[in-house]
N, C-alpha and C. Protein backbone atom coordinates (compact mmCIF):
# COMPACT_ATOMS: atom_id res chain seq x y z
N GLN A 1 5.26 9.83 3.28
CA GLN A 1 3.24 10.38 2.37
C GLN A 1 3.13 8.95 1.52
N VAL A 2 1.59 7.98 2.44
CA VAL A 2 0.87 7.48 1.20
C VAL A 2 -0.14 7.56 0.91
N GLN A 3 -0.19 7.44 -0.47
CA GLN A 3 -1.98 7.75 -1.00
C GLN A 3 -1.93 6.94 -1.02
N LEU A 4 -3.51 6.03 -0.87
CA LEU A 4 -4.55 5.40 -1.60
C LEU A 4 -5.83 5.74 -2.21
N VAL A 5 -5.76 4.61 -3.19
CA VAL A 5 -6.78 5.24 -3.90
C VAL A 5 -7.60 4.48 -4.29
N GLU A 6 -9.17 3.95 -4.06
CA GLU A 6 -10.07 3.23 -3.93
C GLU A 6 -10.67 3.09 -5.71
N SER A 7 -10.97 1.74 -6.13
CA SER A 7 -12.35 1.73 -7.46
C SER A 7 -12.50 0.85 -7.10
N GLY A 8 -13.41 0.70 -7.72
CA GLY A 8 -14.46 -1.12 -8.12
C GLY A 8 -15.51 -0.10 -7.87
N ALA A 9 -16.08 0.63 -7.39
CA ALA A 9 -17.70 1.11 -6.75
C ALA A 9 -18.52 0.35 -7.79
N GLY A 10 -19.80 -0.12 -7.82
CA GLY A 10 -20.45 -0.58 -8.25
C GLY A 10 -22.44 -0.61 -7.70
N LEU A 11 -23.10 -0.20 -8.66
CA LEU A 11 -24.26 -0.70 -7.91
C LEU A 11 -24.44 -2.72 -8.24
N VAL A 12 -25.29 -2.85 -8.00
CA VAL A 12 -25.01 -4.39 -7.96
C VAL A 12 -26.83 -4.91 -7.90
N GLN A 13 -27.17 -6.30 -8.08
CA GLN A 13 -27.58 -6.65 -6.83
C GLN A 13 -27.49 -7.93 -5.99
N ALA A 14 -28.80 -8.17 -5.16
CA ALA A 14 -28.21 -8.67 -3.98
C ALA A 14 -27.70 -10.25 -4.55
N GLY A 15 -26.62 -10.51 -4.40
CA GLY A 15 -26.68 -11.86 -4.60
C GLY A 15 -24.94 -12.39 -5.42
N GLY A 16 -25.09 -10.56 -6.17
CA GLY A 16 -24.15 -10.53 -6.85
C GLY A 16 -22.59 -10.24 -6.57
N SER A 17 -21.40 -9.89 -7.75
CA SER A 17 -20.19 -9.99 -7.02
C SER A 17 -19.30 -8.33 -6.92
N LEU A 18 -18.59 -7.56 -6.58
CA LEU A 18 -18.43 -6.22 -7.05
C LEU A 18 -16.30 -7.01 -6.00
N ARG A 19 -15.47 -6.23 -7.41
CA ARG A 19 -13.90 -5.85 -6.88
C ARG A 19 -13.56 -5.07 -6.52
N LEU A 20 -13.21 -4.95 -4.66
CA LEU A 20 -12.58 -3.51 -4.80
C LEU A 20 -11.28 -3.71 -4.78
N SER A 21 -10.32 -2.34 -5.91
CA SER A 21 -9.19 -2.47 -5.27
C SER A 21 -8.65 -1.24 -4.79
N CYS A 22 -7.30 -1.26 -4.05
CA CYS A 22 -6.84 -0.26 -3.73
C CYS A 22 -5.33 0.19 -3.96
N ALA A 23 -4.75 1.10 -4.45
CA ALA A 23 -3.29 0.90 -5.50
C ALA A 23 -2.88 2.49 -3.87
N ALA A 24 -2.43 1.08 -3.34
CA ALA A 24 -1.23 3.05 -2.59
C ALA A 24 0.47 2.65 -3.45
N SER A 25 0.84 4.15 -3.14
CA SER A 25 2.15 4.68 -3.55
C SER A 25 2.52 5.91 -2.99
N GLY A 26 3.90 6.45 -3.08
CA GLY A 26 3.97 7.38 -1.75
C GLY A 26 5.66 6.88 -1.26
N ARG A 27 5.52 6.02 -1.04
CA ARG A 27 6.60 5.75 0.19
C ARG A 27 6.78 4.27 0.33
N THR A 28 7.89 3.30 0.07
CA THR A 28 8.02 2.06 0.27
C THR A 28 8.10 1.55 1.73
N PHE A 29 8.14 0.50 1.82
CA PHE A 29 7.91 -0.04 3.77
C PHE A 29 7.97 -1.30 3.99
N SER A 30 8.35 -1.59 5.23
CA SER A 30 9.36 -2.80 4.66
C SER A 30 8.17 -3.77 5.41
N TYR A 31 6.91 -3.49 6.35
CA TYR A 31 5.96 -4.12 7.27
C TYR A 31 4.70 -3.95 6.70
N TYR A 32 3.64 -4.29 7.06
CA TYR A 32 2.43 -3.64 8.07
C TYR A 32 1.93 -4.14 6.91
N ILE A 33 -0.18 -3.47 7.27
CA ILE A 33 -1.33 -4.26 7.29
C ILE A 33 -2.00 -3.70 6.48
N MET A 34 -2.70 -3.58 6.05
CA MET A 34 -3.46 -3.06 4.93
C MET A 34 -5.24 -3.12 5.00
N GLY A 35 -6.06 -2.43 5.62
CA GLY A 35 -7.43 -3.03 6.05
C GLY A 35 -8.97 -2.34 4.90
N TRP A 36 -9.66 -2.98 4.59
CA TRP A 36 -10.73 -2.25 4.61
C TRP A 36 -11.59 -1.63 5.08
N PHE A 37 -12.44 -1.08 5.19
CA PHE A 37 -13.05 -0.52 6.27
C PHE A 37 -14.66 -0.15 5.17
N ARG A 38 -15.99 0.35 5.89
CA ARG A 38 -16.79 0.47 5.59
C ARG A 38 -18.07 1.55 6.37
N GLN A 39 -18.52 2.64 5.78
CA GLN A 39 -19.35 3.19 6.90
C GLN A 39 -20.86 3.61 6.19
N VAL A 40 -21.47 3.54 6.78
CA VAL A 40 -22.90 4.01 6.13
C VAL A 40 -23.48 5.39 6.35
N PRO A 41 -24.51 6.27 5.87
CA PRO A 41 -24.92 7.57 7.17
C PRO A 41 -25.46 7.22 8.31
N GLY A 42 -24.81 7.83 9.06
CA GLY A 42 -25.27 7.78 10.74
C GLY A 42 -24.72 6.68 11.65
N LYS A 43 -23.71 5.76 10.74
CA LYS A 43 -23.05 5.26 11.06
C LYS A 43 -21.66 5.52 11.17
N GLY A 44 -21.02 5.20 12.65
CA GLY A 44 -19.45 4.57 12.06
C GLY A 44 -19.26 3.75 11.35
N ARG A 45 -17.83 3.95 11.35
CA ARG A 45 -16.59 3.08 10.21
C ARG A 45 -16.67 1.20 10.90
N GLU A 46 -17.35 0.92 9.95
CA GLU A 46 -17.14 -0.74 10.29
C GLU A 46 -15.49 -1.34 9.97
N PHE A 47 -15.14 -2.00 10.85
CA PHE A 47 -14.28 -3.02 10.22
C PHE A 47 -14.61 -4.08 9.23
N VAL A 48 -14.30 -4.48 7.93
CA VAL A 48 -14.57 -5.15 7.21
C VAL A 48 -13.45 -6.75 6.94
N ALA A 49 -12.25 -5.96 6.78
CA ALA A 49 -11.71 -6.92 6.49
C ALA A 49 -9.53 -6.13 6.92
N ALA A 50 -8.24 -7.22 6.89
CA ALA A 50 -6.99 -6.48 7.21
C ALA A 50 -6.65 -8.20 6.51
N ILE A 51 -5.74 -7.31 6.06
CA ILE A 51 -4.16 -8.57 5.48
C ILE A 51 -3.20 -8.09 5.94
N SER A 52 -2.12 -7.99 5.90
CA SER A 52 -0.48 -8.47 6.61
C SER A 52 0.56 -7.89 4.47
N TRP A 53 0.86 -7.16 4.88
CA TRP A 53 1.82 -7.01 3.62
C TRP A 53 2.20 -8.50 2.57
N SER A 54 3.10 -9.15 3.70
CA SER A 54 2.80 -11.06 3.10
C SER A 54 2.25 -11.27 2.70
N GLY A 55 0.67 -11.16 2.87
CA GLY A 55 -0.31 -11.51 3.26
C GLY A 55 -0.75 -12.77 3.12
N GLY A 56 0.34 -13.29 4.24
CA GLY A 56 0.50 -13.98 4.93
C GLY A 56 -0.97 -14.50 5.57
N SER A 57 -1.15 -13.54 6.38
CA SER A 57 -2.61 -13.27 7.47
C SER A 57 -3.64 -12.17 6.97
N SER A 58 -4.59 -13.03 7.03
CA SER A 58 -5.29 -12.94 7.09
C SER A 58 -6.84 -11.81 8.16
N THR A 59 -8.26 -11.54 8.42
CA THR A 59 -8.79 -11.44 9.66
C THR A 59 -10.21 -10.47 8.18
N TYR A 60 -11.08 -11.10 9.40
CA TYR A 60 -12.06 -11.18 8.51
C TYR A 60 -13.80 -10.56 9.85
N ALA A 61 -14.18 -9.61 9.18
CA ALA A 61 -15.10 -9.34 10.60
C ALA A 61 -16.29 -10.58 10.28
N ASP A 62 -17.47 -11.04 11.62
CA ASP A 62 -18.22 -12.20 10.99
C ASP A 62 -19.02 -12.25 10.60
N SER A 63 -19.22 -10.54 9.77
CA SER A 63 -20.28 -10.74 9.15
C SER A 63 -19.98 -10.74 7.95
N VAL A 64 -18.65 -10.51 6.84
CA VAL A 64 -18.77 -11.30 5.70
C VAL A 64 -18.07 -11.85 5.44
N LYS A 65 -17.48 -13.25 6.74
CA LYS A 65 -16.64 -13.97 7.03
C LYS A 65 -17.12 -14.64 5.35
N GLY A 66 -17.01 -15.61 4.96
CA GLY A 66 -17.44 -17.05 3.79
C GLY A 66 -17.93 -16.16 2.59
N ARG A 67 -18.10 -14.83 2.70
CA ARG A 67 -18.29 -14.20 1.33
C ARG A 67 -17.19 -13.10 0.94
N PHE A 68 -16.28 -12.38 1.18
CA PHE A 68 -15.16 -11.55 1.02
C PHE A 68 -14.08 -12.17 0.75
N THR A 69 -13.36 -11.80 0.08
CA THR A 69 -11.39 -12.41 0.30
C THR A 69 -10.89 -11.21 0.19
N ILE A 70 -9.62 -11.28 1.38
CA ILE A 70 -8.96 -9.99 0.71
C ILE A 70 -7.56 -10.60 0.27
N SER A 71 -7.13 -9.74 -0.71
CA SER A 71 -5.45 -9.77 -1.03
C SER A 71 -4.56 -9.00 -1.26
N ILE A 72 -3.85 -10.11 -2.02
CA ILE A 72 -2.85 -8.63 -2.14
C ILE A 72 -1.66 -8.71 -3.17
N ASP A 73 -1.61 -8.19 -4.10
CA ASP A 73 -0.60 -8.00 -5.12
C ASP A 73 0.12 -7.44 -4.94
N ASN A 74 1.81 -6.93 -4.94
CA ASN A 74 2.57 -6.92 -3.37
C ASN A 74 3.36 -6.69 -5.18
N ALA A 75 3.90 -6.43 -6.50
CA ALA A 75 4.32 -6.51 -7.64
C ALA A 75 3.76 -4.72 -8.43
N LYS A 76 2.10 -4.86 -8.04
CA LYS A 76 1.43 -3.65 -7.74
C LYS A 76 1.24 -2.59 -6.97
N ASN A 77 1.29 -2.91 -5.72
CA ASN A 77 1.06 -2.86 -4.83
C ASN A 77 -0.14 -1.34 -4.68
N THR A 78 -0.77 -3.30 -4.81
CA THR A 78 -2.46 -2.71 -4.78
C THR A 78 -2.99 -3.95 -3.66
N VAL A 79 -4.39 -3.57 -2.95
CA VAL A 79 -5.35 -4.38 -2.22
C VAL A 79 -6.17 -4.98 -2.76
N TYR A 80 -6.62 -5.98 -2.08
CA TYR A 80 -8.21 -6.57 -3.35
C TYR A 80 -9.11 -6.56 -2.19
N LEU A 81 -9.95 -6.28 -2.25
CA LEU A 81 -11.07 -6.95 -1.62
C LEU A 81 -12.55 -7.80 -2.67
N GLN A 82 -12.85 -8.81 -2.91
CA GLN A 82 -13.85 -9.42 -3.37
C GLN A 82 -14.48 -9.42 -2.73
N MET A 83 -15.51 -9.19 -2.50
CA MET A 83 -17.30 -9.38 -2.51
C MET A 83 -18.13 -10.00 -2.83
N ASN A 84 -18.87 -11.30 -2.92
CA ASN A 84 -19.82 -12.18 -3.27
C ASN A 84 -20.75 -12.99 -2.61
N SER A 85 -22.12 -12.88 -3.11
CA SER A 85 -22.56 -12.95 -2.59
C SER A 85 -23.53 -11.49 -1.64
N LEU A 86 -23.14 -10.43 -2.62
CA LEU A 86 -23.02 -9.23 -1.14
C LEU A 86 -25.06 -8.84 -1.03
N LYS A 87 -24.90 -8.58 -0.22
CA LYS A 87 -26.41 -8.72 0.21
C LYS A 87 -27.02 -6.64 0.66
N PRO A 88 -28.06 -6.39 0.81
CA PRO A 88 -27.94 -5.28 0.91
C PRO A 88 -27.40 -4.46 1.72
N GLU A 89 -26.92 -4.89 2.98
CA GLU A 89 -26.62 -4.84 4.43
C GLU A 89 -25.07 -4.23 3.99
N ASP A 90 -24.49 -5.19 3.24
CA ASP A 90 -23.34 -4.62 2.66
C ASP A 90 -23.47 -2.95 1.67
N THR A 91 -24.34 -2.58 1.37
CA THR A 91 -24.41 -1.12 1.46
C THR A 91 -23.39 -0.06 1.54
N GLY A 92 -23.09 0.79 1.41
CA GLY A 92 -21.70 1.53 1.91
C GLY A 92 -21.10 2.27 1.14
N VAL A 93 -19.54 3.08 2.02
CA VAL A 93 -18.51 3.67 1.18
C VAL A 93 -17.58 3.02 1.99
N TYR A 94 -16.95 1.92 1.52
CA TYR A 94 -15.84 1.36 2.04
C TYR A 94 -14.15 2.13 1.47
N TYR A 95 -13.63 2.28 2.57
CA TYR A 95 -12.69 2.99 2.19
C TYR A 95 -10.90 1.53 2.93
N CYS A 96 -9.87 2.40 2.31
CA CYS A 96 -8.91 1.34 2.73
C CYS A 96 -7.68 2.20 3.05
N ALA A 97 -7.15 1.15 3.95
CA ALA A 97 -6.28 2.03 5.73
C ALA A 97 -4.96 0.84 5.18
N ALA A 98 -3.98 2.05 5.54
CA ALA A 98 -3.24 1.13 6.00
C ALA A 98 -2.45 1.43 7.26
N ASP A 99 -1.80 0.73 7.33
CA ASP A 99 -1.11 0.88 9.12
C ASP A 99 0.28 0.73 9.13
N LEU A 100 1.28 1.89 8.59
CA LEU A 100 3.04 1.38 8.48
C LEU A 100 3.96 0.65 9.34
N SER A 101 3.16 0.51 11.30
CA SER A 101 4.17 0.81 12.18
C SER A 101 3.48 -0.38 12.62
N THR A 102 2.71 -0.93 12.47
CA THR A 102 2.71 -2.17 13.54
C THR A 102 2.72 -3.08 12.52
N ALA A 103 2.85 -4.30 13.35
CA ALA A 103 4.04 -6.01 13.02
C ALA A 103 2.17 -6.94 12.87
N TRP A 104 1.78 -7.37 11.76
CA TRP A 104 0.52 -8.15 12.22
C TRP A 104 0.78 -8.30 13.94
N GLY A 105 -0.40 -9.16 14.64
CA GLY A 105 -0.06 -9.46 15.76
C GLY A 105 -1.01 -8.58 17.13
N SER A 106 -0.35 -7.41 16.74
CA SER A 106 -0.53 -6.61 17.54
C SER A 106 -1.72 -5.20 16.74
N PRO A 107 -2.89 -4.83 18.04
CA PRO A 107 -3.46 -3.80 17.75
C PRO A 107 -3.59 -3.08 16.29
N PRO A 108 -3.89 -2.72 15.17
CA PRO A 108 -3.46 -2.45 14.21
C PRO A 108 -3.97 -0.34 14.46
N LYS A 109 -3.21 0.78 13.70
CA LYS A 109 -3.56 1.47 14.45
C LYS A 109 -3.01 2.38 12.78
N TYR A 110 -4.36 2.88 11.94
CA TYR A 110 -4.04 2.87 10.69
C TYR A 110 -4.07 4.34 10.54
N ASP A 111 -2.64 4.70 9.95
CA ASP A 111 -2.31 6.14 9.80
C ASP A 111 -2.99 6.78 8.35
N TYR A 112 -2.96 6.20 7.56
CA TYR A 112 -3.92 6.74 5.63
C TYR A 112 -4.78 6.45 5.36
N TRP A 113 -5.86 7.36 4.26
CA TRP A 113 -7.23 6.00 4.55
C TRP A 113 -7.16 6.88 3.23
N GLY A 114 -7.83 5.89 2.51
CA GLY A 114 -7.92 6.55 1.24
C GLY A 114 -9.61 7.29 0.90
N GLN A 115 -10.14 7.54 -0.28
CA GLN A 115 -11.16 8.26 -0.18
C GLN A 115 -12.49 7.93 0.01
N GLY A 116 -12.36 6.37 -0.28
CA GLY A 116 -13.38 5.89 -0.08
C GLY A 116 -14.32 5.69 -1.32
N THR A 117 -15.04 4.64 -1.24
CA THR A 117 -15.37 3.94 -3.15
C THR A 117 -17.07 3.23 -2.56
N GLN A 118 -18.37 3.62 -3.41
CA GLN A 118 -19.40 3.81 -3.24
C GLN A 118 -19.65 2.37 -3.49
N VAL A 119 -20.84 1.33 -2.07
CA VAL A 119 -20.58 0.43 -2.60
C VAL A 119 -22.75 -0.20 -2.63
N THR A 120 -22.80 0.09 -3.33
CA THR A 120 -24.69 -0.30 -3.39
C THR A 120 -25.32 -1.69 -3.11
N VAL A 121 -25.62 -2.59 -3.02
CA VAL A 121 -26.77 -3.84 -3.52
C VAL A 121 -27.64 -3.41 -3.09
N SER A 122 -28.92 -3.77 -4.12
CA SER A 122 -30.21 -3.83 -4.17
C SER A 122 -30.75 -4.87 -3.72
N SER A 123 -31.45 -4.71 -3.63
CA SER A 123 -32.21 -6.06 -3.47
C SER A 123 -33.52 -6.38 -3.74
């Protein structure tokens, strides 16, 4: 089993910044993919960003490219999402997810999810 715990929730004004963290524990694994998703009421879960455990590969949704940065600290088993130039439409609950079986380049299957952390951006 893997446990994912997000932190970094906050309320910021448009144009501000936040950093989310996702601490992983419970199992060791050789390679996998970590992702961030977000969800607003009445809408489905939306992909935000993903990174390989090596940190060498990453990908972003078009809506956040150039503003968000995903990174990883292997020593701490923690993934981060640095969010800059935040917009009101970035508001939502942000979830961390882990895929423990898929190599980078293949469609990920996220098996584990965190509980979510709220990000609110005021205009």
